[in-house]
Protein backbone atom coordinates (compact mmCIF):
# COMPACT_ATOMS: atom_id res chain seq x y z
CA UNK A 1 81.11 -65.10 53.47
CA UNK A 2 84.23 -63.67 51.85
CA UNK A 3 85.43 -60.15 51.20
CA UNK A 4 84.48 -60.64 47.55
CA UNK A 5 80.86 -61.53 48.35
CA UNK A 6 78.71 -58.57 47.40
CA UNK A 7 75.78 -57.95 49.73
CA UNK A 8 73.39 -55.08 49.12
CA UNK A 9 71.01 -53.76 51.76
CA UNK A 10 68.01 -52.23 49.99
CA UNK A 11 65.89 -49.81 52.01
CA UNK A 12 62.76 -48.28 50.43
CA UNK A 13 61.90 -44.99 52.11
CA UNK A 14 59.20 -42.37 52.04
CA UNK A 15 59.46 -39.71 54.76
CA UNK A 16 61.54 -41.77 57.19
CA UNK A 17 63.98 -39.06 58.31
CA UNK A 18 63.30 -39.90 61.96
CA UNK A 19 64.39 -43.54 61.72
CA UNK A 20 66.58 -44.03 58.64
CA UNK A 21 69.89 -43.13 60.32
CA UNK A 22 69.27 -45.80 62.96
CA UNK A 23 68.41 -48.41 60.34
CA UNK A 24 71.47 -47.62 58.21
CA UNK A 25 73.75 -47.60 61.26
CA UNK A 26 72.41 -50.90 62.58
CA UNK A 27 72.96 -52.70 59.28
CA UNK A 28 76.43 -51.20 58.83
CA UNK A 29 77.27 -52.55 62.28
CA UNK A 30 76.01 -56.04 61.42
CA UNK A 31 77.39 -56.14 57.87
CA UNK A 32 80.25 -53.61 57.64
CA UNK A 33 81.26 -54.83 54.15
CA UNK A 34 77.76 -54.53 52.71
CA UNK A 35 76.62 -51.67 50.49
CA UNK A 36 73.61 -49.80 51.90
CA UNK A 37 71.20 -48.36 49.33
CA UNK A 38 68.37 -46.08 50.43
CA UNK A 39 65.77 -45.59 47.71
CA UNK A 40 64.11 -42.28 48.43
CA UNK A 41 60.57 -42.37 47.04
CA UNK A 42 60.10 -38.61 46.55
CA UNK A 43 60.14 -37.86 50.26
CA UNK A 44 59.08 -34.41 51.42
CA UNK A 45 61.34 -34.50 54.51
CA UNK A 46 65.12 -34.88 54.96
CA UNK A 47 65.21 -38.67 54.47
CA UNK A 48 67.77 -38.53 51.65
CA UNK A 49 70.15 -36.16 53.43
CA UNK A 50 69.98 -38.07 56.72
CA UNK A 51 70.56 -41.40 54.96
CA UNK A 52 73.55 -40.04 53.04
CA UNK A 53 75.13 -38.66 56.22
CA UNK A 54 74.59 -42.03 57.90
CA UNK A 55 76.67 -43.75 55.20
CA UNK A 56 74.12 -44.94 52.64
CA UNK A 57 74.08 -44.57 48.89
CA UNK A 58 70.89 -42.67 48.08
CA UNK A 59 68.99 -43.37 44.87
CA UNK A 60 65.91 -41.35 43.97
CA UNK A 61 62.78 -43.01 42.64
CA UNK A 62 60.28 -40.29 41.62
CA UNK A 63 57.36 -42.65 40.90
CA UNK A 64 55.41 -42.77 44.15
CA UNK A 65 54.70 -46.30 45.37
CA UNK A 66 56.65 -49.12 47.02
CA UNK A 67 56.21 -51.39 44.00
CA UNK A 68 58.02 -48.89 41.78
CA UNK A 69 60.82 -48.70 44.34
CA UNK A 70 61.24 -52.48 44.44
CA UNK A 71 61.26 -52.61 40.64
CA UNK A 72 63.98 -49.96 40.63
CA UNK A 73 65.97 -51.86 43.25
CA UNK A 74 65.94 -55.06 41.22
CA UNK A 75 67.11 -53.32 38.09
CA UNK A 76 69.65 -50.82 39.38
CA UNK A 77 71.66 -52.67 42.03
CA UNK A 78 74.14 -55.45 41.23
CA UNK A 79 75.08 -57.83 44.04
CA UNK A 80 75.41 -61.50 44.90
CA UNK A 81 72.88 -61.33 47.73
CA UNK A 82 70.28 -58.76 48.65
CA UNK A 83 68.49 -57.81 51.85
CA UNK A 84 65.33 -55.73 51.57
CA UNK A 85 64.12 -54.02 54.72
CA UNK A 86 61.79 -51.14 55.52
CA UNK A 87 63.27 -47.90 56.81
CA UNK A 88 60.91 -47.55 59.78
CA UNK A 89 63.14 -49.32 62.36
CA UNK A 90 60.64 -52.10 63.09
CA UNK A 91 62.81 -54.99 61.87
CA UNK A 92 65.84 -56.18 63.89
CA UNK A 93 69.11 -55.73 62.00
CA UNK A 94 70.81 -58.38 64.14
CA UNK A 95 68.61 -61.06 62.54
CA UNK A 96 70.02 -60.34 59.08
CA UNK A 97 72.54 -63.15 59.50
CA UNK A 98 69.74 -65.65 60.11
CA UNK A 99 67.96 -64.38 57.00
CA UNK A 100 71.03 -64.58 54.80
CA UNK A 101 72.20 -67.98 56.03
CA UNK A 102 69.76 -70.23 54.08
CA UNK A 103 70.10 -68.09 50.95
CA UNK A 104 73.90 -68.06 51.00
CA UNK A 105 73.95 -71.81 51.71
CA UNK A 106 71.85 -72.43 48.61
CA UNK A 107 68.94 -73.82 50.66
CA UNK A 108 66.49 -71.16 49.45
CA UNK A 109 66.23 -68.40 46.88
CA UNK A 110 64.47 -66.09 49.33
CA UNK A 111 64.23 -66.01 53.11
CA UNK A 112 61.33 -64.05 54.60
CA UNK A 113 61.37 -62.61 58.10
CA UNK A 114 58.09 -63.96 59.50
CA UNK A 115 56.79 -61.53 62.11
CA UNK A 116 53.79 -63.29 63.61
CA UNK A 117 55.47 -65.35 66.34
CA UNK A 118 56.79 -62.38 68.35
CA UNK A 119 55.40 -58.87 68.14
CA UNK A 120 54.14 -56.05 70.32
CA UNK A 121 50.48 -55.19 70.75
CA UNK A 122 51.07 -51.92 68.90
CA UNK A 123 53.06 -53.51 66.06
CA UNK A 124 50.02 -53.99 63.85
CA UNK A 125 47.05 -51.76 63.21
CA UNK A 126 43.52 -52.98 63.68
CA UNK A 127 42.51 -55.53 61.03
CA UNK A 128 46.10 -56.00 59.80
CA UNK A 129 46.43 -59.42 61.42
CA UNK A 130 43.04 -60.42 60.03
CA UNK A 131 44.01 -59.20 56.57
CA UNK A 132 47.35 -60.98 56.75
CA UNK A 133 45.61 -64.22 57.72
CA UNK A 134 43.12 -63.87 54.86
CA UNK A 135 45.83 -63.22 52.24
CA UNK A 136 48.04 -65.97 53.69
CA UNK A 137 45.22 -68.49 53.61
CA UNK A 138 44.30 -67.66 50.01
CA UNK A 139 47.91 -67.80 48.78
CA UNK A 140 48.55 -71.10 50.55
CA UNK A 141 45.34 -72.57 49.15
CA UNK A 142 45.78 -71.37 45.58
CA UNK A 143 49.51 -72.02 45.24
CA UNK A 144 49.82 -75.09 47.51
CA UNK A 145 52.19 -73.33 49.91
CA UNK A 146 52.52 -73.31 53.70
CA UNK A 147 53.74 -69.80 54.47
CA UNK A 148 52.93 -67.91 57.67
CA UNK A 149 53.65 -64.27 56.71
CA UNK A 150 52.99 -63.07 53.16
CA UNK A 151 53.32 -59.33 53.82
CA UNK A 152 56.68 -59.06 55.57
CA UNK A 153 58.98 -56.33 54.29
CA UNK A 154 62.16 -58.01 55.59
CA UNK A 155 63.60 -60.42 53.00
CA UNK A 156 66.93 -61.78 51.83
CA UNK A 157 67.33 -63.19 48.33
CA UNK A 158 69.89 -64.11 45.69
CA UNK A 159 70.70 -62.82 42.21
CA UNK A 160 68.39 -65.36 40.64
CA UNK A 161 65.40 -63.66 42.23
CA UNK A 162 66.56 -60.19 41.16
CA UNK A 163 67.07 -61.41 37.58
CA UNK A 164 64.04 -63.64 37.13
CA UNK A 165 61.17 -62.06 39.05
CA UNK A 166 59.34 -59.26 37.22
CA UNK A 167 57.63 -56.60 39.34
CA UNK A 168 54.46 -54.98 38.02
CA UNK A 169 52.85 -53.76 41.24
CA UNK A 170 53.04 -50.10 42.15
CA UNK A 171 52.08 -50.07 45.83
CA UNK A 172 52.24 -52.02 49.08
CA UNK A 173 50.85 -55.14 47.38
CA UNK A 174 54.37 -55.76 46.06
CA UNK A 175 55.19 -58.18 48.92
CA UNK A 176 52.25 -60.36 47.87
CA UNK A 177 53.41 -60.23 44.27
CA UNK A 178 56.99 -61.11 45.21
CA UNK A 179 55.79 -64.20 47.05
CA UNK A 180 53.49 -65.35 44.26
CA UNK A 181 56.05 -64.67 41.53
CA UNK A 182 58.58 -66.87 43.31
CA UNK A 183 56.04 -69.67 43.71
CA UNK A 184 55.04 -69.36 40.05
CA UNK A 185 58.60 -69.53 38.74
CA UNK A 186 59.52 -72.48 40.96
CA UNK A 187 61.90 -70.56 43.21
CA UNK A 188 62.18 -71.63 46.83
CA UNK A 189 61.05 -69.62 49.85
CA UNK A 190 61.89 -70.27 53.46
CA UNK A 191 60.78 -68.35 56.55
CA UNK A 192 62.88 -67.21 59.48
CA UNK A 193 61.00 -66.23 62.62
CA UNK A 194 61.90 -62.72 63.79
CA UNK A 195 60.57 -60.31 66.41
CA UNK A 196 58.62 -57.38 65.00
CA UNK A 197 58.91 -54.04 66.74
CA UNK A 198 56.91 -50.84 66.82
CA UNK A 199 57.56 -47.50 65.18
CA UNK A 200 59.19 -44.88 67.42
CA UNK A 201 56.90 -42.21 68.78
CA UNK A 202 56.24 -39.60 66.13
CA UNK A 203 56.95 -41.94 63.21
CA UNK A 204 53.84 -42.43 61.06
CA UNK A 205 52.95 -45.52 59.03
CA UNK A 206 52.15 -44.96 55.35
CA UNK A 207 49.77 -47.92 55.21
CA UNK A 208 46.06 -47.29 54.60
CA UNK A 209 44.28 -50.29 56.06
CA UNK A 210 41.19 -50.55 53.85
CA UNK A 211 42.66 -49.05 50.67
CA UNK A 212 45.85 -51.10 50.74
CA UNK A 213 43.99 -54.22 51.87
CA UNK A 214 41.68 -54.02 48.87
CA UNK A 215 44.68 -53.52 46.57
CA UNK A 216 46.41 -56.59 48.01
CA UNK A 217 43.30 -58.74 47.51
CA UNK A 218 42.81 -57.43 43.97
CA UNK A 219 46.46 -58.16 43.18
CA UNK A 220 46.01 -61.68 44.53
CA UNK A 221 42.92 -62.14 42.37
CA UNK A 222 44.75 -60.80 39.30
CA UNK A 223 47.80 -63.00 39.85
CA UNK A 224 45.61 -66.06 40.45
CA UNK A 225 43.87 -65.43 37.13
CA UNK A 226 47.19 -64.81 35.35
CA UNK A 227 49.30 -67.60 36.85
CA UNK A 228 46.64 -70.28 37.37
CA UNK A 229 44.31 -69.77 34.38
CA UNK A 230 43.31 -73.43 34.14
CA UNK A 231 42.30 -73.49 37.80
CA UNK A 232 40.65 -70.07 37.64
CA UNK A 233 38.64 -70.45 34.43
CA UNK A 234 38.18 -74.17 34.95
CA UNK A 235 36.67 -73.48 38.36
CA UNK A 236 34.33 -70.87 36.91
CA UNK A 237 33.42 -73.30 34.12
CA UNK A 238 32.66 -76.07 36.60
CA UNK A 239 30.50 -73.69 38.65
CA UNK A 240 28.65 -72.60 35.51
CA UNK A 241 28.10 -76.24 34.52
CA UNK A 242 26.74 -77.22 37.93
CA UNK A 243 24.38 -74.24 38.04
CA UNK A 244 23.24 -74.99 34.48
CA UNK A 245 22.48 -78.59 35.38
CA UNK A 246 20.69 -77.54 38.55
CA UNK A 247 18.54 -75.12 36.56
CA UNK A 248 17.92 -77.34 33.53
CA UNK A 249 17.39 -80.85 34.86
CA UNK A 250 14.24 -80.28 37.01
CA UNK A 251 12.09 -78.78 34.21
CA UNK A 252 13.43 -81.34 31.73
CA UNK A 253 12.12 -84.28 33.73
CA UNK A 254 9.15 -82.63 35.48
CA UNK A 255 5.68 -83.51 34.20
CA UNK A 256 3.20 -80.68 33.53
CA UNK A 257 3.81 -77.08 34.50
CA UNK A 258 3.99 -73.88 32.50
CA UNK A 259 5.67 -74.53 29.14
CA UNK A 260 7.00 -70.99 28.79
CA UNK A 261 8.59 -71.18 32.23
CA UNK A 262 10.22 -74.52 31.35
CA UNK A 263 11.56 -73.18 28.06
CA UNK A 264 13.01 -70.14 29.84
CA UNK A 265 14.82 -72.33 32.37
CA UNK A 266 16.08 -74.67 29.66
CA UNK A 267 17.39 -71.71 27.66
CA UNK A 268 19.20 -70.39 30.72
CA UNK A 269 20.61 -73.83 31.47
CA UNK A 270 21.85 -74.24 27.90
CA UNK A 271 23.54 -70.84 28.04
CA UNK A 272 25.27 -71.75 31.30
CA UNK A 273 26.48 -75.11 29.97
CA UNK A 274 27.83 -73.47 26.81
CA UNK A 275 29.52 -70.81 28.92
CA UNK A 276 31.11 -73.59 30.99
CA UNK A 277 32.65 -75.06 27.88
CA UNK A 278 33.90 -71.65 26.77
CA UNK A 279 35.46 -70.91 30.16
CA UNK A 280 37.18 -74.29 30.25
CA UNK A 281 38.57 -73.70 26.74
CA UNK A 282 39.92 -70.28 27.77
CA UNK A 283 41.63 -71.90 30.76
CA UNK A 284 43.28 -74.58 28.61
CA UNK A 285 44.50 -72.07 26.01
CA UNK A 286 45.88 -69.63 28.60
CA UNK A 287 47.52 -72.49 30.48
CA UNK A 288 49.36 -73.52 27.31
CA UNK A 289 50.40 -69.89 26.64
CA UNK A 290 51.58 -69.57 30.24
CA UNK A 291 53.72 -72.67 29.88
CA UNK A 292 55.36 -71.35 26.72
CA UNK A 293 55.94 -67.96 28.33
CA UNK A 294 57.70 -69.62 31.27
CA UNK A 295 59.92 -71.53 28.84
CA UNK A 296 60.75 -68.29 26.99
CA UNK A 297 61.42 -66.47 30.26
CA UNK A 298 63.79 -69.24 31.35
CA UNK A 299 65.72 -69.08 28.06
CA UNK A 300 66.01 -65.28 28.18
CA UNK A 301 67.30 -65.42 31.75
CA UNK A 302 70.01 -67.89 30.75
CA UNK A 303 71.04 -65.67 27.85
CA UNK A 304 71.23 -62.53 30.01
CA UNK A 305 74.83 -61.48 30.71
CA UNK A 306 75.89 -61.73 34.35
């Protein structure tokens, strides 16, 4: 790392006046040459004032939602390397060097602070570990990955990620989208094991377990459909074909029986088989469009001034 290397610490905040000064101070201690940016997401407390007094540049993002904040971060801050961390003082600032190391060495485009090897009993709410495991399993299965923590808010990444990864989520599902976008665009992710702490007494989490969990799963479903259309629609087509055959073959070869019942089953089977062909065709067409869109995206990124 040289004096000319630009490192930006990006801290999304909503009502974190109690902890933000500690977070800003800890990262200034670890990376005194870095620029600290606190993105205040329309807080109703003194988060912005406290962050500014602690030495951070404060940028206001009026659209409520972490996804909007991350989108704003990617577009408004220029740096060589970025560190994104929550403002709730649950992530250890001293591990930032371990996070940055593989990114700055060119070994990965993003390093994720994986929290599940060392954490306190109070670090996660009820069902959060179960939800994390469900999302992790689905992402690893669908995108052929082997990640251990999809939802971590502690990440280091390079300019390529900031320039190439579009953000369309509005809420806490943005971490899932970030991970999937990187996998889709062929960018590399590595994980660095970190301890995960607990919020100080009096600090309140903004997560809503059921509501945000449903949003994360819906985002995963939407991204699967968008990024893997051949697998998604092809799988539905195969299922439709198998059900159609299971419905149509028995009455086709069975002797006797009610003719009207047989005709009804054969009509249903024919509809399912035709639907299977339609779904497979949709998957092939969208797959081809996806491929062309990735090519276009790659060209536009190369043409973008740096």
